[in-house]
Protein backbone atom coordinates (compact mmCIF):
# COMPACT_ATOMS: atom_id res chain seq x y z
CA UNK A 1 98.63 114.01 101.37
CA UNK A 2 95.16 112.80 102.18
CA UNK A 3 94.63 111.85 105.80
CA UNK A 4 93.63 108.18 105.93
CA UNK A 5 93.52 107.77 109.67
CA UNK A 6 90.90 105.24 110.61
CA UNK A 7 88.80 104.25 113.55
CA UNK A 8 90.41 101.15 115.00
CA UNK A 9 88.48 97.95 115.39
CA UNK A 10 88.29 96.66 118.98
CA UNK A 11 90.11 93.44 118.12
CA UNK A 12 93.13 95.32 116.81
CA UNK A 13 93.18 97.57 119.85
CA UNK A 14 93.21 94.50 122.04
CA UNK A 15 95.94 92.91 119.94
CA UNK A 16 98.12 96.00 120.25
CA UNK A 17 97.68 96.04 124.03
CA UNK A 18 98.68 92.39 124.14
CA UNK A 19 101.75 93.15 122.05
CA UNK A 20 102.72 96.00 124.38
CA UNK A 21 102.29 93.62 127.31
CA UNK A 22 104.76 91.25 125.67
CA UNK A 23 102.37 88.35 125.08
CA UNK A 24 104.19 85.84 122.89
CA UNK A 25 101.10 84.45 121.17
CA UNK A 26 100.05 87.96 120.12
CA UNK A 27 103.45 88.54 118.54
CA UNK A 28 103.26 85.16 116.79
CA UNK A 29 99.87 86.13 115.36
CA UNK A 30 101.17 89.43 113.98
CA UNK A 31 104.25 87.78 112.50
CA UNK A 32 102.07 85.16 110.82
CA UNK A 33 99.78 87.86 109.41
CA UNK A 34 102.32 90.40 108.19
CA UNK A 35 105.84 88.98 107.94
CA UNK A 36 105.48 87.77 104.34
CA UNK A 37 104.16 91.07 102.99
CA UNK A 38 106.83 92.96 104.93
CA UNK A 39 109.42 90.74 103.28
CA UNK A 40 107.87 91.36 99.85
CA UNK A 41 108.11 95.11 100.30
CA UNK A 42 111.67 94.92 101.58
CA UNK A 43 112.68 92.76 98.61
CA UNK A 44 110.98 95.16 96.19
CA UNK A 45 112.89 98.15 97.54
CA UNK A 46 116.27 96.87 98.61
CA UNK A 47 116.59 93.49 96.91
CA UNK A 48 116.92 89.91 98.11
CA UNK A 49 120.33 90.24 99.73
CA UNK A 50 119.27 92.68 102.46
CA UNK A 51 115.51 92.03 102.72
CA UNK A 52 115.63 89.64 105.69
CA UNK A 53 117.86 91.99 107.65
CA UNK A 54 115.62 94.98 106.88
CA UNK A 55 112.53 93.10 108.07
CA UNK A 56 114.26 91.91 111.24
CA UNK A 57 115.26 95.50 111.99
CA UNK A 58 111.69 96.62 111.26
CA UNK A 59 110.28 94.16 113.79
CA UNK A 60 112.72 95.38 116.42
CA UNK A 61 111.84 99.02 115.67
CA UNK A 62 108.13 98.22 115.77
CA UNK A 63 108.34 96.47 119.13
CA UNK A 64 110.23 99.41 120.62
CA UNK A 65 107.78 101.93 119.15
CA UNK A 66 104.55 100.08 119.99
CA UNK A 67 103.90 101.94 123.28
CA UNK A 68 103.84 105.18 121.26
CA UNK A 69 101.63 103.77 118.48
CA UNK A 70 98.64 106.12 118.29
CA UNK A 71 96.42 103.95 116.10
CA UNK A 72 96.03 106.62 113.42
CA UNK A 73 96.49 103.98 110.73
CA UNK A 74 96.07 100.22 110.68
CA UNK A 75 98.75 98.13 112.31
CA UNK A 76 99.51 96.65 108.88
CA UNK A 77 100.06 100.07 107.28
CA UNK A 78 102.22 101.16 110.21
CA UNK A 79 104.42 98.05 109.96
CA UNK A 80 104.80 98.40 106.19
CA UNK A 81 105.73 102.05 106.61
CA UNK A 82 108.51 101.04 109.01
CA UNK A 83 109.75 98.43 106.53
CA UNK A 84 109.60 100.89 103.64
CA UNK A 85 111.60 103.51 105.53
CA UNK A 86 114.16 100.95 106.64
CA UNK A 87 114.55 99.54 103.15
CA UNK A 88 114.94 102.98 101.56
CA UNK A 89 117.56 103.92 104.16
CA UNK A 90 119.44 100.71 103.37
CA UNK A 91 119.34 101.49 99.63
CA UNK A 92 120.84 104.90 100.31
CA UNK A 93 123.57 103.40 102.46
CA UNK A 94 124.45 100.76 99.90
CA UNK A 95 124.54 103.15 96.99
CA UNK A 96 124.92 106.76 97.97
CA UNK A 97 125.10 107.96 94.36
CA UNK A 98 121.78 106.61 93.06
CA UNK A 99 118.23 107.80 93.52
CA UNK A 100 115.53 105.45 94.70
CA UNK A 101 113.62 106.23 91.52
CA UNK A 102 115.41 108.58 89.19
CA UNK A 103 113.28 110.64 86.84
CA UNK A 104 109.81 109.58 87.91
CA UNK A 105 108.80 113.23 88.43
CA UNK A 106 109.26 113.99 84.73
CA UNK A 107 105.73 112.98 83.67
CA UNK A 108 102.89 115.33 84.72
CA UNK A 109 100.54 113.66 87.18
CA UNK A 110 97.44 114.73 85.26
CA UNK A 111 98.41 112.28 82.50
CA UNK A 112 97.17 109.40 84.68
CA UNK A 113 93.86 108.05 85.88
CA UNK A 114 93.23 107.24 89.54
CA UNK A 115 94.82 103.78 89.37
CA UNK A 116 97.97 104.71 87.49
CA UNK A 117 97.01 104.13 83.87
CA UNK A 118 98.10 106.84 81.46
CA UNK A 119 95.30 108.40 79.41
CA UNK A 120 97.33 108.96 76.25
CA UNK A 121 99.50 105.84 76.35
CA UNK A 122 97.29 102.76 76.28
CA UNK A 123 98.79 99.57 74.94
CA UNK A 124 96.72 96.75 73.48
CA UNK A 125 97.65 93.39 74.92
CA UNK A 126 98.29 90.51 72.58
CA UNK A 127 95.80 87.69 72.30
CA UNK A 128 97.50 85.75 75.07
CA UNK A 129 95.57 85.73 78.32
CA UNK A 130 97.32 86.44 81.64
CA UNK A 131 97.06 82.73 82.39
CA UNK A 132 98.84 81.87 79.14
CA UNK A 133 101.55 84.40 79.88
CA UNK A 134 102.14 83.00 83.35
CA UNK A 135 102.26 79.46 81.99
CA UNK A 136 105.22 80.39 79.79
CA UNK A 137 108.33 79.81 81.92
CA UNK A 138 110.65 81.72 79.60
CA UNK A 139 108.36 84.74 79.63
CA UNK A 140 108.02 84.52 83.40
CA UNK A 141 111.80 84.72 83.65
CA UNK A 142 111.86 87.81 81.39
CA UNK A 143 109.15 89.51 83.44
CA UNK A 144 110.95 88.74 86.69
CA UNK A 145 114.22 90.11 85.31
CA UNK A 146 112.47 93.29 84.14
CA UNK A 147 110.78 93.64 87.51
CA UNK A 148 114.08 93.36 89.38
CA UNK A 149 115.60 96.04 87.13
CA UNK A 150 112.87 98.57 87.94
CA UNK A 151 113.82 101.46 90.25
CA UNK A 152 113.08 100.68 93.89
CA UNK A 153 110.04 102.94 94.27
CA UNK A 154 108.45 101.50 91.13
CA UNK A 155 108.95 97.93 92.37
CA UNK A 156 107.48 98.87 95.73
CA UNK A 157 104.40 100.60 94.24
CA UNK A 158 103.74 97.71 91.87
CA UNK A 159 104.15 95.15 94.64
CA UNK A 160 101.81 96.98 96.98
CA UNK A 161 99.08 97.85 94.50
CA UNK A 162 99.03 95.14 91.84
CA UNK A 163 100.41 92.19 93.77
CA UNK A 164 99.21 92.81 97.33
CA UNK A 165 96.01 94.73 96.53
CA UNK A 166 96.70 97.55 98.97
CA UNK A 167 94.65 100.71 98.48
CA UNK A 168 96.18 103.81 96.93
CA UNK A 169 95.76 105.90 100.08
CA UNK A 170 97.59 103.33 102.19
CA UNK A 171 100.44 103.14 99.67
CA UNK A 172 100.86 106.90 100.01
CA UNK A 173 101.39 106.47 103.74
CA UNK A 174 103.66 103.46 103.35
CA UNK A 175 105.94 105.03 100.73
CA UNK A 176 105.60 108.66 101.87
CA UNK A 177 104.57 109.89 98.43
CA UNK A 178 101.46 111.57 97.05
CA UNK A 179 98.71 109.72 95.19
CA UNK A 180 99.69 111.39 91.91
CA UNK A 181 103.27 110.18 92.35
CA UNK A 182 102.09 106.63 93.07
CA UNK A 183 100.14 106.71 89.81
CA UNK A 184 103.27 107.79 87.94
CA UNK A 185 105.30 105.03 89.57
CA UNK A 186 102.68 102.41 88.68
CA UNK A 187 102.49 103.56 85.08
CA UNK A 188 106.24 103.49 84.56
CA UNK A 189 106.55 100.05 86.13
CA UNK A 190 103.65 98.59 84.14
CA UNK A 191 104.94 100.12 80.91
CA UNK A 192 108.39 98.61 81.38
CA UNK A 193 106.97 95.16 82.06
CA UNK A 194 104.55 95.48 79.17
CA UNK A 195 107.35 96.38 76.78
CA UNK A 196 109.28 93.31 77.91
CA UNK A 197 106.27 91.12 77.13
CA UNK A 198 105.70 92.81 73.76
CA UNK A 199 109.34 92.39 72.81
CA UNK A 200 109.23 88.71 73.70
CA UNK A 201 106.01 88.21 71.74
CA UNK A 202 107.45 90.03 68.71
CA UNK A 203 110.55 87.81 68.79
CA UNK A 204 108.37 84.70 68.90
CA UNK A 205 106.42 85.65 65.76
């Protein structure tokens, strides 16, 4: 996996020192900045029922581990990695007989471009714009249902890349998968959602 370690900005170094020193306002700042995205990732992987608990456990783990934080990634990436690991562990505990993302390895990675679109499997969108799609409450419900039925790793990759705008290299660190595997996950997730939209549009014709 590509090393994405970065040179830390002075303000984040200072923030981390303040966190280690137990300064309440520093912790409040970090929670305000990152709690919502941590919750989004937890929900994507483990579902609504356990997401709050996973994030609470992640905060506790992060606080304990902060003195050993080496700054080889951003604080945000480090926190999301903790959440991801905690959520995946919870999935395994809740359902010991299911994979986090069964069968994603079956498609060769060279079938995809660098942002997860498959070269030989391009679908033409209908005339509806994204805004028109989002304005349709029934379709929104179908998309949400399809999203929740995606395997955990696919939901997580889609949430991080398409919804949160996190870079591919950072997603690799957060999910502990290679860039080629992230591209496969993104393609499978997008294809499933696209098929749901197409099916709805066909039924409306």
